């Protein structure tokens, strides 16, 4: 018996942004590795890339995400 069932059909009202097709989809039509979501509305899913870009910028500039002991020239 499987612990987790693979869901092949999405629920109505679940919205995703497909990174491969670059479009909003209702329900998880594409594999999880290729999508952002779920979002509550189509509009939220439509702005998924903008939301991700904003969050990345916040994380990159958040001092809590950077080691204090790391030298400025270190990239590793």
PDB file of N, CA and C in Angstrom:
ATOM      1  N   UNK A   1       0.841  -1.187   0.000  1.00  0.00           N
ATOM      2  CA  UNK A   1       0.000   0.000   0.000  1.00  0.00           C
ATOM      3  C   UNK A   1       0.886   1.250   0.000  1.00  0.00           C
ATOM      4  N   UNK A   2       0.624   2.151  -0.885  1.00  0.00           N
ATOM      5  CA  UNK A   2       1.396   3.386  -0.990  1.00  0.00           C
ATOM      6  C   UNK A   2       1.031   4.336   0.146  1.00  0.00           C
ATOM      7  N   UNK A   3       2.035   5.013   0.664  1.00  0.00           N
ATOM      8  CA  UNK A   3       1.787   5.989   1.714  1.00  0.00           C
ATOM      9  C   UNK A   3       1.156   7.258   1.163  1.00  0.00           C
ATOM     10  N   UNK A   4       1.574   7.625  -0.029  1.00  0.00           N
ATOM     11  CA  UNK A   4       1.058   8.841  -0.650  1.00  0.00           C
ATOM     12  C   UNK A   4       0.485   8.488  -2.009  1.00  0.00           C
ATOM     13  N   UNK A   5      -0.681   8.995  -2.270  1.00  0.00           N
ATOM     14  CA  UNK A   5      -1.288   8.771  -3.575  1.00  0.00           C
ATOM     15  C   UNK A   5      -0.866   9.886  -4.514  1.00  0.00           C
ATOM     16  N   UNK A   6      -0.508   9.520  -5.718  1.00  0.00           N
ATOM     17  CA  UNK A   6      -0.160  10.516  -6.715  1.00  0.00           C
ATOM     18  C   UNK A   6      -1.446  11.116  -7.255  1.00  0.00           C
ATOM     19  N   UNK A   7      -1.570  12.390  -7.096  1.00  0.00           N
ATOM     20  CA  UNK A   7      -2.763  13.081  -7.556  1.00  0.00           C
ATOM     21  C   UNK A   7      -2.564  13.474  -9.015  1.00  0.00           C
ATOM     22  N   UNK A   8      -3.413  12.992  -9.864  1.00  0.00           N
ATOM     23  CA  UNK A   8      -3.279  13.277 -11.285  1.00  0.00           C
ATOM     24  C   UNK A   8      -4.184  14.413 -11.741  1.00  0.00           C
ATOM     25  N   UNK A   9      -5.216  14.708 -10.978  1.00  0.00           N
ATOM     26  CA  UNK A   9      -6.150  15.755 -11.357  1.00  0.00           C
ATOM     27  C   UNK A   9      -6.161  16.806 -10.258  1.00  0.00           C
ATOM     28  N   UNK A  10      -6.136  18.051 -10.661  1.00  0.00           N
ATOM     29  CA  UNK A  10      -6.154  19.141  -9.696  1.00  0.00           C
ATOM     30  C   UNK A  10      -7.543  19.421  -9.176  1.00  0.00           C
ATOM     31  N   UNK A  11      -7.590  20.102  -8.074  1.00  0.00           N
ATOM     32  CA  UNK A  11      -8.869  20.517  -7.505  1.00  0.00           C
ATOM     33  C   UNK A  11      -9.286  21.829  -8.158  1.00  0.00           C
ATOM     34  N   UNK A  12     -10.558  22.012  -8.384  1.00  0.00           N
ATOM     35  CA  UNK A  12     -11.015  23.305  -8.894  1.00  0.00           C
ATOM     36  C   UNK A  12     -10.615  24.412  -7.917  1.00  0.00           C
ATOM     37  N   UNK A  13     -10.116  25.490  -8.427  1.00  0.00           N
ATOM     38  CA  UNK A  13      -9.703  26.600  -7.580  1.00  0.00           C
ATOM     39  C   UNK A  13      -8.242  26.574  -7.202  1.00  0.00           C
ATOM     40  N   UNK A  14      -7.507  25.527  -7.557  1.00  0.00           N
ATOM     41  CA  UNK A  14      -6.053  25.503  -7.345  1.00  0.00           C
ATOM     42  C   UNK A  14      -5.392  25.996  -8.625  1.00  0.00           C
ATOM     43  N   UNK A  15      -4.601  27.032  -8.486  1.00  0.00           N
ATOM     44  CA  UNK A  15      -3.950  27.628  -9.646  1.00  0.00           C
ATOM     45  C   UNK A  15      -2.442  27.484  -9.529  1.00  0.00           C
ATOM     46  N   UNK A  16      -1.800  27.208 -10.631  1.00  0.00           N
ATOM     47  CA  UNK A  16      -0.353  27.011 -10.685  1.00  0.00           C
ATOM     48  C   UNK A  16       0.216  27.806 -11.845  1.00  0.00           C
ATOM     49  N   UNK A  17       1.503  28.125 -11.736  1.00  0.00           N
ATOM     50  CA  UNK A  17       2.209  28.740 -12.858  1.00  0.00           C
ATOM     51  C   UNK A  17       3.219  27.721 -13.363  1.00  0.00           C
ATOM     52  N   UNK A  18       3.078  27.301 -14.612  1.00  0.00           N
ATOM     53  CA  UNK A  18       3.971  26.318 -15.207  1.00  0.00           C
ATOM     54  C   UNK A  18       5.214  27.022 -15.737  1.00  0.00           C
ATOM     55  N   UNK A  19       6.375  26.592 -15.256  1.00  0.00           N
ATOM     56  CA  UNK A  19       7.644  27.194 -15.664  1.00  0.00           C
ATOM     57  C   UNK A  19       8.070  26.750 -17.061  1.00  0.00           C
ATOM     58  N   UNK A  20       7.594  25.609 -17.506  1.00  0.00           N
ATOM     59  CA  UNK A  20       7.936  25.096 -18.835  1.00  0.00           C
ATOM     60  C   UNK A  20       7.099  25.801 -19.909  1.00  0.00           C
ATOM     61  N   UNK A  21       5.781  25.835 -19.689  1.00  0.00           N
ATOM     62  CA  UNK A  21       4.869  26.417 -20.677  1.00  0.00           C
ATOM     63  C   UNK A  21       4.688  27.919 -20.499  1.00  0.00           C
ATOM     64  N   UNK A  22       5.174  28.427 -19.353  1.00  0.00           N
ATOM     65  CA  UNK A  22       5.065  29.855 -19.025  1.00  0.00           C
ATOM     66  C   UNK A  22       3.618  30.344 -19.106  1.00  0.00           C
ATOM     67  N   UNK A  23       2.751  29.576 -18.425  1.00  0.00           N
ATOM     68  CA  UNK A  23       1.348  29.957 -18.398  1.00  0.00           C
ATOM     69  C   UNK A  23       0.691  29.475 -17.105  1.00  0.00           C
ATOM     70  N   UNK A  24      -0.451  30.050 -16.807  1.00  0.00           N
ATOM     71  CA  UNK A  24      -1.233  29.695 -15.628  1.00  0.00           C
ATOM     72  C   UNK A  24      -2.094  28.485 -15.979  1.00  0.00           C
ATOM     73  N   UNK A  25      -2.145  27.532 -15.030  1.00  0.00           N
ATOM     74  CA  UNK A  25      -2.943  26.326 -15.225  1.00  0.00           C
ATOM     75  C   UNK A  25      -3.802  26.082 -13.993  1.00  0.00           C
ATOM     76  N   UNK A  26      -5.023  25.644 -14.208  1.00  0.00           N
ATOM     77  CA  UNK A  26      -5.874  25.267 -13.074  1.00  0.00           C
ATOM     78  C   UNK A  26      -5.634  23.798 -12.799  1.00  0.00           C
ATOM     79  N   UNK A  27      -5.237  23.516 -11.581  1.00  0.00           N
ATOM     80  CA  UNK A  27      -4.897  22.138 -11.218  1.00  0.00           C
ATOM     81  C   UNK A  27      -3.466  21.823 -11.624  1.00  0.00           C
ATOM     82  N   UNK A  28      -2.858  20.836 -10.983  1.00  0.00           N
ATOM     83  CA  UNK A  28      -1.461  20.510 -11.293  1.00  0.00           C
ATOM     84  C   UNK A  28      -1.356  19.647 -12.560  1.00  0.00           C
ATOM     85  N   UNK A  29      -1.372  20.291 -13.716  1.00  0.00           N
ATOM     86  CA  UNK A  29      -1.244  19.562 -14.975  1.00  0.00           C
ATOM     87  C   UNK A  29       0.191  19.115 -15.219  1.00  0.00           C
ATOM     88  N   UNK A  30       1.151  19.920 -14.811  1.00  0.00           N
ATOM     89  CA  UNK A  30       2.562  19.618 -15.039  1.00  0.00           C
ATOM     90  C   UNK A  30       3.205  19.106 -13.740  1.00  0.00           C
ATOM     91  N   UNK A  31       4.351  18.438 -13.851  1.00  0.00           N
ATOM     92  CA  UNK A  31       5.034  17.925 -12.652  1.00  0.00           C
ATOM     93  C   UNK A  31       5.402  19.053 -11.681  1.00  0.00           C
ATOM     94  N   UNK A  32       5.480  18.724 -10.407  1.00  0.00           N
ATOM     95  CA  UNK A  32       5.767  19.707  -9.367  1.00  0.00           C
ATOM     96  C   UNK A  32       7.087  20.428  -9.606  1.00  0.00           C
ATOM     97  N   UNK A  33       8.061  19.735 -10.177  1.00  0.00           N
ATOM     98  CA  UNK A  33       9.366  20.368 -10.415  1.00  0.00           C
ATOM     99  C   UNK A  33       9.287  21.483 -11.455  1.00  0.00           C
ATOM    100  N   UNK A  34       8.190  21.535 -12.203  1.00  0.00           N
ATOM    101  CA  UNK A  34       8.041  22.508 -13.284  1.00  0.00           C
ATOM    102  C   UNK A  34       6.996  23.584 -12.999  1.00  0.00           C
ATOM    103  N   UNK A  35       6.578  23.733 -11.734  1.00  0.00           N
ATOM    104  CA  UNK A  35       5.510  24.690 -11.463  1.00  0.00           C
ATOM    105  C   UNK A  35       5.658  25.363 -10.107  1.00  0.00           C
ATOM    106  N   UNK A  36       5.063  26.540 -10.003  1.00  0.00           N
ATOM    107  CA  UNK A  36       4.913  27.252  -8.741  1.00  0.00           C
ATOM    108  C   UNK A  36       3.447  27.138  -8.346  1.00  0.00           C
ATOM    109  N   UNK A  37       3.191  27.027  -7.045  1.00  0.00           N
ATOM    110  CA  UNK A  37       1.809  27.007  -6.594  1.00  0.00           C
ATOM    111  C   UNK A  37       1.592  25.947  -5.542  1.00  0.00           C
ATOM    112  N   UNK A  38       0.410  25.792  -5.070  1.00  0.00           N
ATOM    113  CA  UNK A  38      -0.826  26.356  -5.590  1.00  0.00           C
ATOM    114  C   UNK A  38      -1.068  27.786  -5.113  1.00  0.00           C
ATOM    115  N   UNK A  39      -1.815  28.507  -5.896  1.00  0.00           N
ATOM    116  CA  UNK A  39      -2.248  29.862  -5.564  1.00  0.00           C
ATOM    117  C   UNK A  39      -3.770  29.839  -5.430  1.00  0.00           C
ATOM    118  N   UNK A  40      -4.288  30.759  -4.651  1.00  0.00           N
ATOM    119  CA  UNK A  40      -5.733  30.812  -4.394  1.00  0.00           C
ATOM    120  C   UNK A  40      -6.506  31.338  -5.595  1.00  0.00           C
ATOM    121  N   UNK A  41      -5.872  32.200  -6.386  1.00  0.00           N
ATOM    122  CA  UNK A  41      -6.576  32.787  -7.530  1.00  0.00           C
ATOM    123  C   UNK A  41      -5.717  32.710  -8.787  1.00  0.00           C
ATOM    124  N   UNK A  42      -6.371  32.819  -9.908  1.00  0.00           N
ATOM    125  CA  UNK A  42      -5.672  32.852 -11.196  1.00  0.00           C
ATOM    126  C   UNK A  42      -4.737  34.070 -11.261  1.00  0.00           C
ATOM    127  N   UNK A  43      -5.195  35.181 -10.731  1.00  0.00           N
ATOM    128  CA  UNK A  43      -4.403  36.419 -10.746  1.00  0.00           C
ATOM    129  C   UNK A  43      -3.094  36.253  -9.964  1.00  0.00           C
ATOM    130  N   UNK A  44      -3.152  35.624  -8.793  1.00  0.00           N
ATOM    131  CA  UNK A  44      -1.927  35.368  -8.014  1.00  0.00           C
ATOM    132  C   UNK A  44      -0.962  34.494  -8.805  1.00  0.00           C
ATOM    133  N   UNK A  45      -1.481  33.451  -9.434  1.00  0.00           N
ATOM    134  CA  UNK A  45      -0.634  32.560 -10.232  1.00  0.00           C
ATOM    135  C   UNK A  45      -0.036  33.294 -11.417  1.00  0.00           C
ATOM    136  N   UNK A  46      -0.795  34.219 -11.976  1.00  0.00           N
ATOM    137  CA  UNK A  46      -0.317  34.997 -13.118  1.00  0.00           C
ATOM    138  C   UNK A  46       0.882  35.866 -12.751  1.00  0.00           C
ATOM    139  N   UNK A  47       1.001  36.231 -11.487  1.00  0.00           N
ATOM    140  CA  UNK A  47       2.111  37.063 -11.015  1.00  0.00           C
ATOM    141  C   UNK A  47       3.178  36.247 -10.288  1.00  0.00           C
ATOM    142  N   UNK A  48       3.199  34.942 -10.495  1.00  0.00           N
ATOM    143  CA  UNK A  48       4.127  34.057  -9.774  1.00  0.00           C
ATOM    144  C   UNK A  48       5.586  34.436  -9.993  1.00  0.00           C
ATOM    145  N   UNK A  49       5.963  34.741 -11.209  1.00  0.00           N
ATOM    146  CA  UNK A  49       7.365  35.074 -11.488  1.00  0.00           C
ATOM    147  C   UNK A  49       7.760  36.396 -10.831  1.00  0.00           C
ATOM    148  N   UNK A  50       6.864  37.368 -10.832  1.00  0.00           N
ATOM    149  CA  UNK A  50       7.133  38.648 -10.169  1.00  0.00           C
ATOM    150  C   UNK A  50       7.261  38.451  -8.663  1.00  0.00           C
ATOM    151  N   UNK A  51       6.377  37.639  -8.092  1.00  0.00           N
ATOM    152  CA  UNK A  51       6.432  37.353  -6.658  1.00  0.00           C
ATOM    153  C   UNK A  51       7.749  36.673  -6.299  1.00  0.00           C
ATOM    154  N   UNK A  52       8.166  35.708  -7.108  1.00  0.00           N
ATOM    155  CA  UNK A  52       9.432  35.013  -6.858  1.00  0.00           C
ATOM    156  C   UNK A  52      10.613  35.976  -6.956  1.00  0.00           C
ATOM    157  N   UNK A  53      10.585  36.861  -7.928  1.00  0.00           N
ATOM    158  CA  UNK A  53      11.667  37.833  -8.092  1.00  0.00           C
ATOM    159  C   UNK A  53      11.737  38.776  -6.886  1.00  0.00           C
ATOM    160  N   UNK A  54      10.594  39.226  -6.406  1.00  0.00           N
ATOM    161  CA  UNK A  54      10.551  40.103  -5.227  1.00  0.00           C
ATOM    162  C   UNK A  54      11.096  39.386  -3.988  1.00  0.00           C
ATOM    163  N   UNK A  55      10.695  38.128  -3.802  1.00  0.00           N
ATOM    164  CA  UNK A  55      11.166  37.363  -2.644  1.00  0.00           C
ATOM    165  C   UNK A  55      12.665  37.099  -2.724  1.00  0.00           C
ATOM    166  N   UNK A  56      13.151  36.781  -3.913  1.00  0.00           N
ATOM    167  CA  UNK A  56      14.592  36.561  -4.074  1.00  0.00           C
ATOM    168  C   UNK A  56      15.372  37.816  -3.719  1.00  0.00           C
ATOM    169  N   UNK A  57      14.896  38.969  -4.151  1.00  0.00           N
ATOM    170  CA  UNK A  57      15.570  40.225  -3.834  1.00  0.00           C
ATOM    171  C   UNK A  57      15.559  40.475  -2.326  1.00  0.00           C
ATOM    172  N   UNK A  58      14.434  40.199  -1.674  1.00  0.00           N
ATOM    173  CA  UNK A  58      14.354  40.363  -0.213  1.00  0.00           C
ATOM    174  C   UNK A  58      15.360  39.460   0.484  1.00  0.00           C
ATOM    175  N   UNK A  59      15.455  38.196   0.050  1.00  0.00           N
ATOM    176  CA  UNK A  59      16.375  37.252   0.677  1.00  0.00           C
ATOM    177  C   UNK A  59      17.824  37.629   0.417  1.00  0.00           C
ATOM    178  N   UNK A  60      18.124  38.086  -0.785  1.00  0.00           N
ATOM    179  CA  UNK A  60      19.497  38.461  -1.122  1.00  0.00           C
ATOM    180  C   UNK A  60      19.976  39.662  -0.326  1.00  0.00           C
ATOM    181  N   UNK A  61      19.060  40.535   0.037  1.00  0.00           N
ATOM    182  CA  UNK A  61      19.437  41.739   0.776  1.00  0.00           C
ATOM    183  C   UNK A  61      19.177  41.628   2.274  1.00  0.00           C
ATOM    184  N   UNK A  62      18.692  40.493   2.743  1.00  0.00           N
ATOM    185  CA  UNK A  62      18.417  40.286   4.169  1.00  0.00           C
ATOM    186  C   UNK A  62      19.712  39.874   4.875  1.00  0.00           C
ATOM    187  N   UNK A  63      20.186  40.665   5.826  1.00  0.00           N
ATOM    188  CA  UNK A  63      21.447  40.336   6.499  1.00  0.00           C
ATOM    189  C   UNK A  63      21.391  39.031   7.301  1.00  0.00           C
ATOM    190  N   UNK A  64      20.211  38.577   7.679  1.00  0.00           N
ATOM    191  CA  UNK A  64      20.096  37.322   8.422  1.00  0.00           C
ATOM    192  C   UNK A  64      20.443  36.110   7.565  1.00  0.00           C
ATOM    193  N   UNK A  65      20.420  36.263   6.234  1.00  0.00           N
ATOM    194  CA  UNK A  65      20.709  35.152   5.335  1.00  0.00           C
ATOM    195  C   UNK A  65      22.183  35.058   4.973  1.00  0.00           C
ATOM    196  N   UNK A  66      22.994  35.978   5.469  1.00  0.00           N
ATOM    197  CA  UNK A  66      24.421  36.001   5.130  1.00  0.00           C
ATOM    198  C   UNK A  66      25.250  35.746   6.379  1.00  0.00           C
ATOM    199  N   UNK A  67      26.293  34.937   6.224  1.00  0.00           N
ATOM    200  CA  UNK A  67      27.181  34.650   7.348  1.00  0.00           C
ATOM    201  C   UNK A  67      27.995  35.884   7.686  1.00  0.00           C
ATOM    202  N   UNK A  68      28.058  36.208   8.972  1.00  0.00           N
ATOM    203  CA  UNK A  68      28.829  37.370   9.397  1.00  0.00           C
ATOM    204  C   UNK A  68      30.326  37.127   9.309  1.00  0.00           C
ATOM    205  N   UNK A  69      30.756  35.858   9.431  1.00  0.00           N
ATOM    206  CA  UNK A  69      32.176  35.536   9.409  1.00  0.00           C
ATOM    207  C   UNK A  69      32.720  35.356   7.999  1.00  0.00           C
ATOM    208  N   UNK A  70      31.878  35.416   7.017  1.00  0.00           N
ATOM    209  CA  UNK A  70      32.304  35.195   5.637  1.00  0.00           C
ATOM    210  C   UNK A  70      33.022  36.426   5.107  1.00  0.00           C
ATOM    211  N   UNK A  71      34.171  36.219   4.492  1.00  0.00           N
ATOM    212  CA  UNK A  71      34.947  37.316   3.927  1.00  0.00           C
ATOM    213  C   UNK A  71      34.213  37.846   2.695  1.00  0.00           C
ATOM    214  N   UNK A  72      34.293  39.144   2.397  1.00  0.00           N
ATOM    215  CA  UNK A  72      33.583  39.721   1.260  1.00  0.00           C
ATOM    216  C   UNK A  72      33.969  39.121  -0.080  1.00  0.00           C
ATOM    217  N   UNK A  73      35.207  38.620  -0.219  1.00  0.00           N
ATOM    218  CA  UNK A  73      35.661  38.073  -1.489  1.00  0.00           C
ATOM    219  C   UNK A  73      35.274  36.618  -1.682  1.00  0.00           C
ATOM    220  N   UNK A  74      34.815  35.931  -0.618  1.00  0.00           N
ATOM    221  CA  UNK A  74      34.477  34.509  -0.705  1.00  0.00           C
ATOM    222  C   UNK A  74      33.170  34.332  -1.470  1.00  0.00           C
ATOM    223  N   UNK A  75      33.195  33.421  -2.433  1.00  0.00           N
ATOM    224  CA  UNK A  75      31.973  33.057  -3.151  1.00  0.00           C
ATOM    225  C   UNK A  75      31.482  31.683  -2.749  1.00  0.00           C
ATOM    226  N   UNK A  76      32.302  30.935  -2.057  1.00  0.00           N
ATOM    227  CA  UNK A  76      31.941  29.558  -1.673  1.00  0.00           C
ATOM    228  C   UNK A  76      31.322  29.500  -0.322  1.00  0.00           C
TER     229      UNK A  76
END
